[in-house]
Amino acid sequence: MSSNPNQRIDTDDVNTNLDYLRQDAGGIITTHNGMADKLFKNDKLYNAMKGDWSRTDWNGTKNIRVTTGRDGGKFYITREQFNIEAIKQRAAEYRKAAEAGVPDPLAPLGPDGRLTYKWIDLPDVIAIRISDTYFGGMPWSVIKHDKTLKAQFYRVVQQEYPQYICYPGGRLPIPIEVPYPVKSGETKFFKGF
């Protein structure tokens, strides 16, 4: 041992073996560019990732089961919500009470400053289905910040899912007139009024 405490035991510089790192930086992939290429060459691992598989999990409140997977080379996501009937019944009871004039202390305030009634009680899986079908997968948390998209979302709910409307009379008081949204992947040309 050396008597000098500032002197290192090993005075050689650290060498990096570049064979274990990707050197192509996004260019052509060759078979000698490191660990990632070794994984690409592993046919068993690649086929395990490429083949059919599925994974099932529950959301935080344990009422929606989400299954993701691949079947026949196509990726899929299925969502099953188990409290849909309870939500339908809750919306029907709320609408009945609202039509009878029972005030809702948790309802939003209207433009006149008085209490109104909540508009919809929509299951999460149906909100996701509407956003996937009509809004290209844009979630409700984004849609509700745009006045036109929000009105179009409400039009879809009123037309296709009226059993979840809580507002008295079963019709939503949509404040602006908007066209019915077009399904994703379809084209609709404007014809005028």
C-alpha atoms as a PDB file:
ATOM      1  CA  MET A   1       0.000   0.000   0.000  1.00  0.00           C
ATOM      2  CA  SER A   2       1.068   3.473  -0.697  1.00  0.00           C
ATOM      3  CA  SER A   3       1.490   5.959   2.107  1.00  0.00           C
ATOM      4  CA  ASN A   4      -0.159   8.715   0.026  1.00  0.00           C
ATOM      5  CA  PRO A   5      -3.965   8.743   0.723  1.00  0.00           C
ATOM      6  CA  ASN A   6      -4.705  10.759  -2.465  1.00  0.00           C
ATOM      7  CA  GLN A   7      -3.252   8.120  -4.735  1.00  0.00           C
ATOM      8  CA  ARG A   8      -5.763   5.681  -6.225  1.00  0.00           C
ATOM      9  CA  ILE A   9      -5.313   1.977  -5.908  1.00  0.00           C
ATOM     10  CA  ASP A  10      -5.966   1.457  -9.630  1.00  0.00           C
ATOM     11  CA  THR A  11      -4.438   4.232 -11.689  1.00  0.00           C
ATOM     12  CA  ASP A  12      -5.862   2.990 -15.032  1.00  0.00           C
ATOM     13  CA  ASP A  13      -8.719   4.931 -16.613  1.00  0.00           C
ATOM     14  CA  VAL A  14     -12.067   3.199 -16.829  1.00  0.00           C
ATOM     15  CA  ASN A  15     -12.539   1.594 -20.236  1.00  0.00           C
ATOM     16  CA  THR A  16     -15.999   1.228 -21.730  1.00  0.00           C
ATOM     17  CA  ASN A  17     -16.602  -1.742 -23.944  1.00  0.00           C
ATOM     18  CA  LEU A  18     -18.569  -0.140 -26.771  1.00  0.00           C
ATOM     19  CA  ASP A  19     -19.653  -3.520 -28.107  1.00  0.00           C
ATOM     20  CA  TYR A  20     -22.342  -3.591 -25.414  1.00  0.00           C
ATOM     21  CA  LEU A  21     -23.820  -0.251 -26.392  1.00  0.00           C
ATOM     22  CA  ARG A  22     -25.883   0.704 -29.428  1.00  0.00           C
ATOM     23  CA  GLN A  23     -23.531   2.505 -31.797  1.00  0.00           C
ATOM     24  CA  ASP A  24     -25.794   3.044 -34.804  1.00  0.00           C
ATOM     25  CA  ALA A  25     -27.700   5.970 -33.178  1.00  0.00           C
ATOM     26  CA  GLY A  26     -30.885   5.194 -35.082  1.00  0.00           C
ATOM     27  CA  GLY A  27     -29.190   4.159 -38.303  1.00  0.00           C
ATOM     28  CA  ILE A  28     -28.902   0.712 -39.842  1.00  0.00           C
ATOM     29  CA  ILE A  29     -29.192  -2.101 -37.317  1.00  0.00           C
ATOM     30  CA  THR A  30     -26.386  -4.607 -37.646  1.00  0.00           C
ATOM     31  CA  THR A  31     -25.678  -7.741 -35.650  1.00  0.00           C
ATOM     32  CA  HIS A  32     -22.717  -6.347 -33.733  1.00  0.00           C
ATOM     33  CA  ASN A  33     -24.182  -3.263 -32.090  1.00  0.00           C
ATOM     34  CA  GLY A  34     -24.609  -4.476 -28.558  1.00  0.00           C
ATOM     35  CA  MET A  35     -27.218  -5.802 -26.154  1.00  0.00           C
ATOM     36  CA  ALA A  36     -30.328  -4.704 -28.077  1.00  0.00           C
ATOM     37  CA  ASP A  37     -29.204  -6.642 -31.138  1.00  0.00           C
ATOM     38  CA  LYS A  38     -28.546  -9.685 -29.000  1.00  0.00           C
ATOM     39  CA  LEU A  39     -32.160  -9.488 -27.853  1.00  0.00           C
ATOM     40  CA  PHE A  40     -33.363  -9.060 -31.449  1.00  0.00           C
ATOM     41  CA  LYS A  41     -31.439 -12.198 -32.413  1.00  0.00           C
ATOM     42  CA  ASN A  42     -33.111 -14.190 -29.625  1.00  0.00           C
ATOM     43  CA  ASP A  43     -35.882 -15.876 -31.627  1.00  0.00           C
ATOM     44  CA  LYS A  44     -37.518 -17.408 -28.560  1.00  0.00           C
ATOM     45  CA  LEU A  45     -37.896 -14.017 -26.882  1.00  0.00           C
ATOM     46  CA  TYR A  46     -39.037 -12.346 -30.111  1.00  0.00           C
ATOM     47  CA  ASN A  47     -41.663 -15.012 -30.798  1.00  0.00           C
ATOM     48  CA  ALA A  48     -42.898 -14.814 -27.217  1.00  0.00           C
ATOM     49  CA  MET A  49     -43.426 -11.075 -27.647  1.00  0.00           C
ATOM     50  CA  LYS A  50     -44.877 -11.424 -31.142  1.00  0.00           C
ATOM     51  CA  GLY A  51     -47.344 -14.262 -30.507  1.00  0.00           C
ATOM     52  CA  ASP A  52     -50.820 -14.230 -28.993  1.00  0.00           C
ATOM     53  CA  TRP A  53     -51.062 -13.137 -25.369  1.00  0.00           C
ATOM     54  CA  SER A  54     -53.451 -11.467 -22.958  1.00  0.00           C
ATOM     55  CA  ARG A  55     -53.293  -9.706 -19.620  1.00  0.00           C
ATOM     56  CA  THR A  56     -56.212  -8.857 -17.326  1.00  0.00           C
ATOM     57  CA  ASP A  57     -56.269  -6.297 -14.536  1.00  0.00           C
ATOM     58  CA  TRP A  58     -58.780  -4.237 -12.532  1.00  0.00           C
ATOM     59  CA  ASN A  59     -59.040  -0.484 -12.095  1.00  0.00           C
ATOM     60  CA  GLY A  60     -58.534   1.153  -8.710  1.00  0.00           C
ATOM     61  CA  THR A  61     -62.163   0.819  -7.583  1.00  0.00           C
ATOM     62  CA  LYS A  62     -62.359  -2.797  -8.804  1.00  0.00           C
ATOM     63  CA  ASN A  63     -65.465  -2.252 -10.953  1.00  0.00           C
ATOM     64  CA  ILE A  64     -63.832  -2.283 -14.405  1.00  0.00           C
ATOM     65  CA  ARG A  65     -61.888  -5.272 -15.722  1.00  0.00           C
ATOM     66  CA  VAL A  66     -59.470  -4.357 -18.516  1.00  0.00           C
ATOM     67  CA  THR A  67     -58.047  -7.068 -20.739  1.00  0.00           C
ATOM     68  CA  THR A  68     -55.258  -6.223 -23.154  1.00  0.00           C
ATOM     69  CA  GLY A  69     -53.629  -8.613 -25.541  1.00  0.00           C
ATOM     70  CA  ARG A  70     -52.880  -9.715 -29.034  1.00  0.00           C
ATOM     71  CA  ASP A  71     -54.937 -12.232 -30.963  1.00  0.00           C
ATOM     72  CA  GLY A  72     -53.976 -13.272 -34.483  1.00  0.00           C
ATOM     73  CA  GLY A  73     -51.452 -10.444 -34.707  1.00  0.00           C
ATOM     74  CA  LYS A  74     -54.030  -7.751 -33.797  1.00  0.00           C
ATOM     75  CA  PHE A  75     -53.766  -5.803 -30.562  1.00  0.00           C
ATOM     76  CA  TYR A  76     -56.993  -5.401 -28.565  1.00  0.00           C
ATOM     77  CA  ILE A  77     -58.305  -3.795 -25.395  1.00  0.00           C
ATOM     78  CA  THR A  78     -61.612  -4.832 -23.831  1.00  0.00           C
ATOM     79  CA  ARG A  79     -63.217  -3.134 -20.869  1.00  0.00           C
ATOM     80  CA  GLU A  80     -66.016  -4.636 -18.801  1.00  0.00           C
ATOM     81  CA  GLN A  81     -67.771  -2.496 -16.189  1.00  0.00           C
ATOM     82  CA  PHE A  82     -69.783  -4.395 -13.609  1.00  0.00           C
ATOM     83  CA  ASN A  83     -71.913  -1.616 -12.115  1.00  0.00           C
ATOM     84  CA  ILE A  84     -73.656  -0.421 -15.289  1.00  0.00           C
ATOM     85  CA  GLU A  85     -77.123  -1.529 -14.170  1.00  0.00           C
ATOM     86  CA  ALA A  86     -76.682   0.284 -10.851  1.00  0.00           C
ATOM     87  CA  ILE A  87     -75.680   3.469 -12.724  1.00  0.00           C
ATOM     88  CA  LYS A  88     -78.768   3.183 -14.983  1.00  0.00           C
ATOM     89  CA  GLN A  89     -81.004   2.784 -11.950  1.00  0.00           C
ATOM     90  CA  ARG A  90     -79.303   5.687 -10.150  1.00  0.00           C
ATOM     91  CA  ALA A  91     -79.766   7.965 -13.180  1.00  0.00           C
ATOM     92  CA  ALA A  92     -83.451   6.989 -13.505  1.00  0.00           C
ATOM     93  CA  GLU A  93     -84.069   7.652  -9.797  1.00  0.00           C
ATOM     94  CA  TYR A  94     -82.253  10.989  -9.978  1.00  0.00           C
ATOM     95  CA  ARG A  95     -84.281  12.062 -13.031  1.00  0.00           C
ATOM     96  CA  LYS A  96     -87.532  11.023 -11.335  1.00  0.00           C
ATOM     97  CA  ALA A  97     -86.632  13.023  -8.214  1.00  0.00           C
ATOM     98  CA  ALA A  98     -85.571  16.035 -10.323  1.00  0.00           C
ATOM     99  CA  GLU A  99     -88.861  15.960 -12.236  1.00  0.00           C
ATOM    100  CA  ALA A 100     -90.687  15.891  -8.878  1.00  0.00           C
ATOM    101  CA  GLY A 101     -88.801  19.081  -7.895  1.00  0.00           C
ATOM    102  CA  VAL A 102     -86.461  17.650  -5.257  1.00  0.00           C
ATOM    103  CA  PRO A 103     -83.423  19.976  -5.080  1.00  0.00           C
ATOM    104  CA  ASP A 104     -79.911  18.571  -5.378  1.00  0.00           C
ATOM    105  CA  PRO A 105     -77.499  20.430  -3.058  1.00  0.00           C
ATOM    106  CA  LEU A 106     -74.481  19.057  -4.951  1.00  0.00           C
ATOM    107  CA  ALA A 107     -75.743  20.146  -8.367  1.00  0.00           C
ATOM    108  CA  PRO A 108     -73.949  22.883 -10.324  1.00  0.00           C
ATOM    109  CA  LEU A 109     -75.169  26.466 -10.351  1.00  0.00           C
ATOM    110  CA  GLY A 110     -77.001  27.694 -13.417  1.00  0.00           C
ATOM    111  CA  PRO A 111     -76.377  30.984 -15.245  1.00  0.00           C
ATOM    112  CA  ASP A 112     -78.992  32.650 -13.024  1.00  0.00           C
ATOM    113  CA  GLY A 113     -77.108  31.588  -9.875  1.00  0.00           C
ATOM    114  CA  ARG A 114     -79.683  29.019  -8.783  1.00  0.00           C
ATOM    115  CA  LEU A 115     -79.115  25.292  -8.334  1.00  0.00           C
ATOM    116  CA  THR A 116     -79.710  23.165 -11.396  1.00  0.00           C
ATOM    117  CA  TYR A 117     -79.493  19.395 -11.813  1.00  0.00           C
ATOM    118  CA  LYS A 118     -76.595  17.249 -12.929  1.00  0.00           C
ATOM    119  CA  TRP A 119     -76.801  16.352 -16.606  1.00  0.00           C
ATOM    120  CA  ILE A 120     -75.560  12.774 -16.941  1.00  0.00           C
ATOM    121  CA  ASP A 121     -74.287   9.842 -14.922  1.00  0.00           C
ATOM    122  CA  LEU A 122     -72.245   8.001 -17.540  1.00  0.00           C
ATOM    123  CA  PRO A 123     -70.258   4.785 -16.941  1.00  0.00           C
ATOM    124  CA  ASP A 124     -66.550   5.098 -17.685  1.00  0.00           C
ATOM    125  CA  VAL A 125     -66.570   2.378 -20.338  1.00  0.00           C
ATOM    126  CA  ILE A 126     -69.289   4.179 -22.318  1.00  0.00           C
ATOM    127  CA  ALA A 127     -67.434   7.503 -22.082  1.00  0.00           C
ATOM    128  CA  ILE A 128     -64.324   5.728 -23.426  1.00  0.00           C
ATOM    129  CA  ARG A 129     -66.391   4.072 -26.179  1.00  0.00           C
ATOM    130  CA  ILE A 130     -67.816   7.454 -27.267  1.00  0.00           C
ATOM    131  CA  SER A 131     -64.381   9.085 -27.260  1.00  0.00           C
ATOM    132  CA  ASP A 132     -62.896   6.199 -29.272  1.00  0.00           C
ATOM    133  CA  THR A 133     -65.766   6.114 -31.780  1.00  0.00           C
ATOM    134  CA  TYR A 134     -66.313   9.833 -32.385  1.00  0.00           C
ATOM    135  CA  PHE A 135     -63.310  11.759 -31.062  1.00  0.00           C
ATOM    136  CA  GLY A 136     -60.309   9.644 -32.063  1.00  0.00           C
ATOM    137  CA  GLY A 137     -59.628   8.439 -28.517  1.00  0.00           C
ATOM    138  CA  MET A 138     -59.519  11.928 -26.990  1.00  0.00           C
ATOM    139  CA  PRO A 139     -60.569  11.422 -23.343  1.00  0.00           C
ATOM    140  CA  TRP A 140     -63.505  13.214 -21.707  1.00  0.00           C
ATOM    141  CA  SER A 141     -61.080  15.135 -19.483  1.00  0.00           C
ATOM    142  CA  VAL A 142     -59.823  16.897 -22.657  1.00  0.00           C
ATOM    143  CA  ILE A 143     -63.144  17.069 -24.542  1.00  0.00           C
ATOM    144  CA  LYS A 144     -64.898  18.949 -21.745  1.00  0.00           C
ATOM    145  CA  HIS A 145     -62.529  21.926 -22.082  1.00  0.00           C
ATOM    146  CA  ASP A 146     -63.723  22.708 -25.612  1.00  0.00           C
ATOM    147  CA  LYS A 147     -67.273  24.071 -25.864  1.00  0.00           C
ATOM    148  CA  THR A 148     -68.036  22.571 -29.292  1.00  0.00           C
ATOM    149  CA  LEU A 149     -66.594  19.121 -28.561  1.00  0.00           C
ATOM    150  CA  LYS A 150     -68.398  19.029 -25.234  1.00  0.00           C
ATOM    151  CA  ALA A 151     -71.718  19.855 -26.922  1.00  0.00           C
ATOM    152  CA  GLN A 152     -71.091  17.153 -29.536  1.00  0.00           C
ATOM    153  CA  PHE A 153     -70.309  14.643 -26.776  1.00  0.00           C
ATOM    154  CA  TYR A 154     -73.601  15.527 -25.081  1.00  0.00           C
ATOM    155  CA  ARG A 155     -75.449  15.090 -28.398  1.00  0.00           C
ATOM    156  CA  VAL A 156     -74.063  11.555 -28.715  1.00  0.00           C
ATOM    157  CA  VAL A 157     -75.128  10.748 -25.143  1.00  0.00           C
ATOM    158  CA  GLN A 158     -78.614  12.155 -25.771  1.00  0.00           C
ATOM    159  CA  GLN A 159     -79.011  10.223 -29.027  1.00  0.00           C
ATOM    160  CA  GLU A 160     -77.411   6.864 -28.198  1.00  0.00           C
ATOM    161  CA  TYR A 161     -77.420   6.580 -24.381  1.00  0.00           C
ATOM    162  CA  PRO A 162     -80.547   8.381 -23.062  1.00  0.00           C
ATOM    163  CA  GLN A 163     -80.864   5.972 -20.112  1.00  0.00           C
ATOM    164  CA  TYR A 164     -77.916   7.754 -18.429  1.00  0.00           C
ATOM    165  CA  ILE A 165     -79.415  11.257 -18.611  1.00  0.00           C
ATOM    166  CA  CYS A 166     -80.215  12.686 -15.182  1.00  0.00           C
ATOM    167  CA  TYR A 167     -81.606  16.037 -16.313  1.00  0.00           C
ATOM    168  CA  PRO A 168     -85.388  16.471 -15.900  1.00  0.00           C
ATOM    169  CA  GLY A 169     -87.345  15.546 -19.017  1.00  0.00           C
ATOM    170  CA  GLY A 170     -84.572  13.315 -20.368  1.00  0.00           C
ATOM    171  CA  ARG A 171     -83.253  16.028 -22.735  1.00  0.00           C
ATOM    172  CA  LEU A 172     -79.965  17.819 -22.164  1.00  0.00           C
ATOM    173  CA  PRO A 173     -80.013  21.638 -22.315  1.00  0.00           C
ATOM    174  CA  ILE A 174     -77.106  21.852 -24.792  1.00  0.00           C
ATOM    175  CA  PRO A 175     -76.331  25.597 -24.976  1.00  0.00           C
ATOM    176  CA  ILE A 176     -75.078  25.713 -28.584  1.00  0.00           C
ATOM    177  CA  GLU A 177     -76.278  24.046 -31.774  1.00  0.00           C
ATOM    178  CA  VAL A 178     -73.588  21.734 -33.107  1.00  0.00           C
ATOM    179  CA  PRO A 179     -73.555  19.075 -35.831  1.00  0.00           C
ATOM    180  CA  TYR A 180     -73.627  15.454 -34.794  1.00  0.00           C
ATOM    181  CA  PRO A 181     -70.006  14.189 -34.733  1.00  0.00           C
ATOM    182  CA  VAL A 182     -68.730  11.876 -37.439  1.00  0.00           C
ATOM    183  CA  LYS A 183     -67.362   8.472 -36.481  1.00  0.00           C
ATOM    184  CA  SER A 184     -63.589   8.139 -36.660  1.00  0.00           C
ATOM    185  CA  GLY A 185     -62.473   6.883 -40.063  1.00  0.00           C
ATOM    186  CA  GLU A 186     -65.570   8.140 -41.896  1.00  0.00           C
ATOM    187  CA  THR A 187     -65.677  11.270 -44.014  1.00  0.00           C
ATOM    188  CA  LYS A 188     -68.641  13.590 -44.080  1.00  0.00           C
ATOM    189  CA  PHE A 189     -68.752  16.513 -46.432  1.00  0.00           C
ATOM    190  CA  PHE A 190     -70.407  19.752 -45.401  1.00  0.00           C
ATOM    191  CA  LYS A 191     -73.632  20.269 -47.335  1.00  0.00           C
ATOM    192  CA  GLY A 192     -74.624  23.613 -45.884  1.00  0.00           C
ATOM    193  CA  PHE A 193     -77.962  24.481 -44.378  1.00  0.00           C
END
